[in-house]
Amino acid sequence: MESIAKATGIDKVVQAVAGDDCGCDERKQWLNKTFPYARAMNEEEKVKWSTVVKPAWNSGRLDSYQMGAMNAIYSAVLKKKALRTNCGDCVKTALKKLERIYEASCD
């Protein structure tokens, strides 16, 4: 994420708007500590999370499309094989991880 910001020049814009301390270092450290192999969600993943996965989770039921969306985000962000399970606790744990990553990605 940091390399993309530098390559596109977004880091300069953020610095101009937020000043020298935009909080990026703290978020990066938290994300790296919490999920050593994770990366922040990109814009497409954040939209899919907030419009497809999170509303389904809030309703208490994920259908196959919503599970597929969650698995795609999970695999990409955590760099792990997609979660294919009917274990409710396993899905809930994955959703909680993704929610924390989403929140860190939006700060």
N, C-alpha and C. Protein backbone atom coordinates (compact mmCIF):
# COMPACT_ATOMS: atom_id res chain seq x y z
N MET A 1 0.83 -1.18 0.00
CA MET A 1 0.00 0.00 0.00
C MET A 1 0.87 1.24 0.00
N GLU A 2 1.89 1.23 0.81
CA GLU A 2 2.78 2.39 0.90
C GLU A 2 3.49 2.63 -0.43
N SER A 3 3.90 1.56 -1.09
CA SER A 3 4.60 1.72 -2.37
C SER A 3 3.68 2.29 -3.44
N ILE A 4 2.40 1.92 -3.39
CA ILE A 4 1.43 2.46 -4.35
C ILE A 4 1.23 3.95 -4.10
N ALA A 5 1.13 4.33 -2.83
CA ALA A 5 0.95 5.74 -2.50
C ALA A 5 2.13 6.58 -2.98
N LYS A 6 3.32 6.04 -2.83
CA LYS A 6 4.51 6.76 -3.30
C LYS A 6 4.56 6.82 -4.82
N ALA A 7 4.25 5.71 -5.47
CA ALA A 7 4.33 5.66 -6.93
C ALA A 7 3.32 6.59 -7.59
N THR A 8 2.16 6.73 -6.98
CA THR A 8 1.11 7.57 -7.57
C THR A 8 1.18 9.02 -7.11
N GLY A 9 1.98 9.28 -6.08
CA GLY A 9 2.08 10.64 -5.56
C GLY A 9 1.04 10.97 -4.52
N ILE A 10 0.21 9.99 -4.16
CA ILE A 10 -0.83 10.23 -3.16
C ILE A 10 -0.21 10.59 -1.81
N ASP A 11 0.96 10.03 -1.52
CA ASP A 11 1.61 10.33 -0.25
C ASP A 11 1.88 11.82 -0.09
N LYS A 12 2.22 12.50 -1.17
CA LYS A 12 2.48 13.94 -1.12
C LYS A 12 1.19 14.72 -0.86
N VAL A 13 0.09 14.26 -1.47
CA VAL A 13 -1.20 14.92 -1.26
C VAL A 13 -1.63 14.78 0.19
N VAL A 14 -1.52 13.55 0.73
CA VAL A 14 -1.90 13.31 2.12
C VAL A 14 -1.05 14.15 3.05
N GLN A 15 0.23 14.23 2.78
CA GLN A 15 1.13 15.02 3.62
C GLN A 15 0.75 16.49 3.57
N ALA A 16 0.39 17.00 2.38
CA ALA A 16 0.01 18.40 2.24
C ALA A 16 -1.28 18.70 3.00
N VAL A 17 -2.22 17.75 3.00
CA VAL A 17 -3.50 17.96 3.67
C VAL A 17 -3.40 17.69 5.16
N ALA A 18 -2.79 16.58 5.54
CA ALA A 18 -2.79 16.15 6.94
C ALA A 18 -1.55 16.58 7.71
N GLY A 19 -0.53 17.04 7.01
CA GLY A 19 0.70 17.40 7.69
C GLY A 19 1.63 16.21 7.77
N ASP A 20 2.69 16.37 8.52
CA ASP A 20 3.70 15.30 8.60
C ASP A 20 3.21 14.06 9.32
N ASP A 21 2.28 14.23 10.26
CA ASP A 21 1.80 13.07 11.01
C ASP A 21 0.33 12.81 10.70
N CYS A 22 0.10 11.98 9.68
CA CYS A 22 -1.28 11.66 9.28
C CYS A 22 -1.78 10.41 9.99
N GLY A 23 -0.94 9.78 10.79
CA GLY A 23 -1.34 8.58 11.51
C GLY A 23 -1.07 7.29 10.74
N CYS A 24 -0.51 7.41 9.55
CA CYS A 24 -0.27 6.24 8.72
C CYS A 24 0.68 5.25 9.38
N ASP A 25 1.70 5.73 10.03
CA ASP A 25 2.67 4.83 10.66
C ASP A 25 2.03 3.98 11.75
N GLU A 26 1.17 4.61 12.55
CA GLU A 26 0.50 3.86 13.62
C GLU A 26 -0.42 2.80 13.04
N ARG A 27 -1.20 3.15 11.99
CA ARG A 27 -2.08 2.17 11.36
C ARG A 27 -1.28 1.03 10.74
N LYS A 28 -0.19 1.40 10.08
CA LYS A 28 0.64 0.38 9.44
C LYS A 28 1.22 -0.57 10.50
N GLN A 29 1.70 -0.02 11.61
CA GLN A 29 2.26 -0.87 12.67
C GLN A 29 1.20 -1.77 13.27
N TRP A 30 0.00 -1.22 13.50
CA TRP A 30 -1.09 -2.02 14.08
C TRP A 30 -1.46 -3.15 13.13
N LEU A 31 -1.62 -2.83 11.84
CA LEU A 31 -2.01 -3.84 10.86
C LEU A 31 -0.95 -4.93 10.75
N ASN A 32 0.33 -4.53 10.70
CA ASN A 32 1.41 -5.50 10.61
C ASN A 32 1.51 -6.37 11.85
N LYS A 33 1.25 -5.80 13.02
CA LYS A 33 1.31 -6.57 14.27
C LYS A 33 0.13 -7.52 14.38
N THR A 34 -1.05 -7.04 14.06
CA THR A 34 -2.26 -7.84 14.20
C THR A 34 -2.34 -8.94 13.16
N PHE A 35 -2.00 -8.59 11.92
CA PHE A 35 -2.06 -9.54 10.81
C PHE A 35 -0.73 -9.46 10.06
N PRO A 36 0.28 -10.21 10.50
CA PRO A 36 1.62 -10.07 9.92
C PRO A 36 1.68 -10.24 8.40
N TYR A 37 0.79 -11.01 7.83
CA TYR A 37 0.86 -11.25 6.40
C TYR A 37 -0.27 -10.55 5.65
N ALA A 38 -1.01 -9.70 6.35
CA ALA A 38 -2.15 -9.03 5.73
C ALA A 38 -1.73 -7.73 5.07
N ARG A 39 -2.58 -7.28 4.17
CA ARG A 39 -2.42 -5.95 3.59
C ARG A 39 -3.75 -5.23 3.75
N ALA A 40 -3.74 -3.94 3.58
CA ALA A 40 -4.97 -3.17 3.67
C ALA A 40 -5.88 -3.53 2.50
N MET A 41 -7.17 -3.36 2.69
CA MET A 41 -8.12 -3.60 1.61
C MET A 41 -8.00 -2.48 0.58
N ASN A 42 -8.07 -2.84 -0.69
CA ASN A 42 -8.11 -1.81 -1.72
C ASN A 42 -9.55 -1.29 -1.83
N GLU A 43 -9.75 -0.30 -2.66
CA GLU A 43 -11.08 0.32 -2.76
C GLU A 43 -12.16 -0.67 -3.19
N GLU A 44 -11.85 -1.51 -4.15
CA GLU A 44 -12.82 -2.50 -4.61
C GLU A 44 -13.21 -3.46 -3.50
N GLU A 45 -12.24 -3.91 -2.73
CA GLU A 45 -12.51 -4.82 -1.62
C GLU A 45 -13.31 -4.13 -0.52
N LYS A 46 -13.01 -2.86 -0.26
CA LYS A 46 -13.76 -2.13 0.75
C LYS A 46 -15.22 -1.97 0.34
N VAL A 47 -15.46 -1.70 -0.93
CA VAL A 47 -16.84 -1.58 -1.42
C VAL A 47 -17.56 -2.92 -1.31
N LYS A 48 -16.90 -3.99 -1.73
CA LYS A 48 -17.51 -5.31 -1.66
C LYS A 48 -17.80 -5.69 -0.20
N TRP A 49 -16.88 -5.37 0.69
CA TRP A 49 -17.08 -5.65 2.11
C TRP A 49 -18.31 -4.89 2.63
N SER A 50 -18.36 -3.59 2.35
CA SER A 50 -19.40 -2.75 2.95
C SER A 50 -20.77 -2.91 2.30
N THR A 51 -20.83 -3.37 1.06
CA THR A 51 -22.12 -3.48 0.38
C THR A 51 -22.64 -4.91 0.24
N VAL A 52 -21.75 -5.89 0.31
CA VAL A 52 -22.16 -7.28 0.12
C VAL A 52 -21.99 -8.10 1.40
N VAL A 53 -20.77 -8.14 1.93
CA VAL A 53 -20.47 -9.04 3.03
C VAL A 53 -21.02 -8.53 4.36
N LYS A 54 -20.70 -7.31 4.73
CA LYS A 54 -21.10 -6.78 6.04
C LYS A 54 -22.62 -6.75 6.23
N PRO A 55 -23.40 -6.28 5.24
CA PRO A 55 -24.86 -6.33 5.43
C PRO A 55 -25.39 -7.75 5.63
N ALA A 56 -24.82 -8.70 4.92
CA ALA A 56 -25.25 -10.10 5.09
C ALA A 56 -24.89 -10.60 6.48
N TRP A 57 -23.69 -10.26 6.94
CA TRP A 57 -23.26 -10.66 8.28
C TRP A 57 -24.19 -10.05 9.32
N ASN A 58 -24.53 -8.78 9.14
CA ASN A 58 -25.43 -8.12 10.08
C ASN A 58 -26.81 -8.78 10.11
N SER A 59 -27.24 -9.33 8.97
CA SER A 59 -28.54 -10.00 8.93
C SER A 59 -28.47 -11.40 9.52
N GLY A 60 -27.26 -11.91 9.71
CA GLY A 60 -27.09 -13.22 10.33
C GLY A 60 -27.00 -14.38 9.38
N ARG A 61 -26.92 -14.11 8.08
CA ARG A 61 -26.86 -15.20 7.11
C ARG A 61 -26.14 -14.77 5.85
N LEU A 62 -25.18 -15.59 5.43
CA LEU A 62 -24.45 -15.35 4.19
C LEU A 62 -24.84 -16.43 3.19
N ASP A 63 -25.29 -16.03 2.01
CA ASP A 63 -25.57 -17.01 0.97
C ASP A 63 -24.28 -17.31 0.21
N SER A 64 -24.36 -18.13 -0.81
CA SER A 64 -23.14 -18.55 -1.52
C SER A 64 -22.44 -17.37 -2.20
N TYR A 65 -23.19 -16.40 -2.72
CA TYR A 65 -22.57 -15.23 -3.35
C TYR A 65 -21.80 -14.41 -2.31
N GLN A 66 -22.42 -14.19 -1.17
CA GLN A 66 -21.79 -13.40 -0.12
C GLN A 66 -20.58 -14.13 0.48
N MET A 67 -20.69 -15.46 0.62
CA MET A 67 -19.53 -16.24 1.08
C MET A 67 -18.40 -16.16 0.07
N GLY A 68 -18.75 -16.21 -1.22
CA GLY A 68 -17.74 -16.09 -2.27
C GLY A 68 -17.03 -14.75 -2.21
N ALA A 69 -17.81 -13.68 -1.97
CA ALA A 69 -17.21 -12.35 -1.84
C ALA A 69 -16.30 -12.28 -0.63
N MET A 70 -16.74 -12.85 0.49
CA MET A 70 -15.91 -12.86 1.68
C MET A 70 -14.62 -13.65 1.43
N ASN A 71 -14.75 -14.81 0.79
CA ASN A 71 -13.58 -15.63 0.51
C ASN A 71 -12.59 -14.92 -0.41
N ALA A 72 -13.09 -14.20 -1.39
CA ALA A 72 -12.20 -13.48 -2.30
C ALA A 72 -11.42 -12.41 -1.56
N ILE A 73 -12.10 -11.67 -0.70
CA ILE A 73 -11.42 -10.64 0.09
C ILE A 73 -10.43 -11.29 1.05
N TYR A 74 -10.87 -12.33 1.73
CA TYR A 74 -10.03 -13.04 2.71
C TYR A 74 -8.75 -13.54 2.05
N SER A 75 -8.88 -14.18 0.91
CA SER A 75 -7.72 -14.73 0.21
C SER A 75 -6.75 -13.64 -0.22
N ALA A 76 -7.29 -12.55 -0.75
CA ALA A 76 -6.44 -11.47 -1.25
C ALA A 76 -5.76 -10.71 -0.13
N VAL A 77 -6.49 -10.37 0.89
CA VAL A 77 -5.97 -9.52 1.95
C VAL A 77 -5.06 -10.28 2.91
N LEU A 78 -5.47 -11.48 3.28
CA LEU A 78 -4.69 -12.26 4.24
C LEU A 78 -3.68 -13.19 3.55
N LYS A 79 -3.71 -13.20 2.24
CA LYS A 79 -2.78 -14.02 1.45
C LYS A 79 -2.82 -15.48 1.91
N LYS A 80 -4.05 -15.95 2.11
CA LYS A 80 -4.29 -17.34 2.52
C LYS A 80 -5.33 -17.92 1.59
N LYS A 81 -5.37 -19.23 1.57
CA LYS A 81 -6.38 -19.92 0.78
C LYS A 81 -7.77 -19.54 1.28
N ALA A 82 -8.70 -19.46 0.36
CA ALA A 82 -10.07 -19.09 0.71
C ALA A 82 -10.64 -20.03 1.76
N LEU A 83 -11.49 -19.49 2.58
CA LEU A 83 -12.12 -20.23 3.66
C LEU A 83 -13.34 -20.96 3.11
N ARG A 84 -13.29 -22.27 2.99
CA ARG A 84 -14.43 -23.08 2.51
C ARG A 84 -14.87 -23.98 3.65
N THR A 85 -15.86 -23.52 4.39
CA THR A 85 -16.31 -24.27 5.56
C THR A 85 -17.75 -23.93 5.89
N ASN A 86 -18.39 -24.84 6.58
CA ASN A 86 -19.72 -24.60 7.12
C ASN A 86 -19.67 -24.32 8.61
N CYS A 87 -18.47 -24.26 9.15
CA CYS A 87 -18.26 -24.01 10.57
C CYS A 87 -18.59 -22.55 10.88
N GLY A 88 -19.66 -22.34 11.62
CA GLY A 88 -20.09 -20.98 11.94
C GLY A 88 -19.05 -20.18 12.69
N ASP A 89 -18.37 -20.82 13.65
CA ASP A 89 -17.34 -20.11 14.41
C ASP A 89 -16.15 -19.73 13.53
N CYS A 90 -15.79 -20.59 12.59
CA CYS A 90 -14.68 -20.29 11.68
C CYS A 90 -15.02 -19.09 10.79
N VAL A 91 -16.24 -19.07 10.28
CA VAL A 91 -16.68 -17.96 9.44
C VAL A 91 -16.73 -16.68 10.26
N LYS A 92 -17.26 -16.77 11.48
CA LYS A 92 -17.34 -15.60 12.34
C LYS A 92 -15.96 -15.04 12.66
N THR A 93 -15.00 -15.90 12.92
CA THR A 93 -13.62 -15.46 13.18
C THR A 93 -13.04 -14.76 11.96
N ALA A 94 -13.26 -15.32 10.78
CA ALA A 94 -12.77 -14.70 9.54
C ALA A 94 -13.43 -13.34 9.33
N LEU A 95 -14.72 -13.25 9.57
CA LEU A 95 -15.42 -11.99 9.41
C LEU A 95 -14.90 -10.92 10.37
N LYS A 96 -14.62 -11.31 11.60
CA LYS A 96 -14.07 -10.36 12.58
C LYS A 96 -12.69 -9.86 12.14
N LYS A 97 -11.86 -10.75 11.62
CA LYS A 97 -10.54 -10.34 11.11
C LYS A 97 -10.70 -9.34 9.97
N LEU A 98 -11.58 -9.68 9.04
CA LEU A 98 -11.79 -8.80 7.90
C LEU A 98 -12.37 -7.45 8.32
N GLU A 99 -13.23 -7.46 9.32
CA GLU A 99 -13.79 -6.19 9.80
C GLU A 99 -12.70 -5.29 10.37
N ARG A 100 -11.79 -5.86 11.14
CA ARG A 100 -10.69 -5.06 11.70
C ARG A 100 -9.78 -4.54 10.60
N ILE A 101 -9.54 -5.35 9.59
CA ILE A 101 -8.71 -4.90 8.47
C ILE A 101 -9.44 -3.80 7.69
N TYR A 102 -10.74 -3.96 7.50
CA TYR A 102 -11.53 -2.94 6.82
C TYR A 102 -11.44 -1.62 7.58
N GLU A 103 -11.64 -1.66 8.88
CA GLU A 103 -11.58 -0.44 9.68
C GLU A 103 -10.21 0.22 9.61
N ALA A 104 -9.16 -0.58 9.66
CA ALA A 104 -7.81 -0.03 9.55
C ALA A 104 -7.55 0.53 8.15
N SER A 105 -8.17 -0.07 7.14
CA SER A 105 -7.98 0.38 5.77
C SER A 105 -8.69 1.70 5.51
N CYS A 106 -9.72 1.99 6.29
CA CYS A 106 -10.52 3.20 6.07
C CYS A 106 -10.01 4.39 6.86
N ASP A 107 -9.19 4.17 7.88
CA ASP A 107 -8.70 5.28 8.69
C ASP A 107 -7.78 6.19 7.92
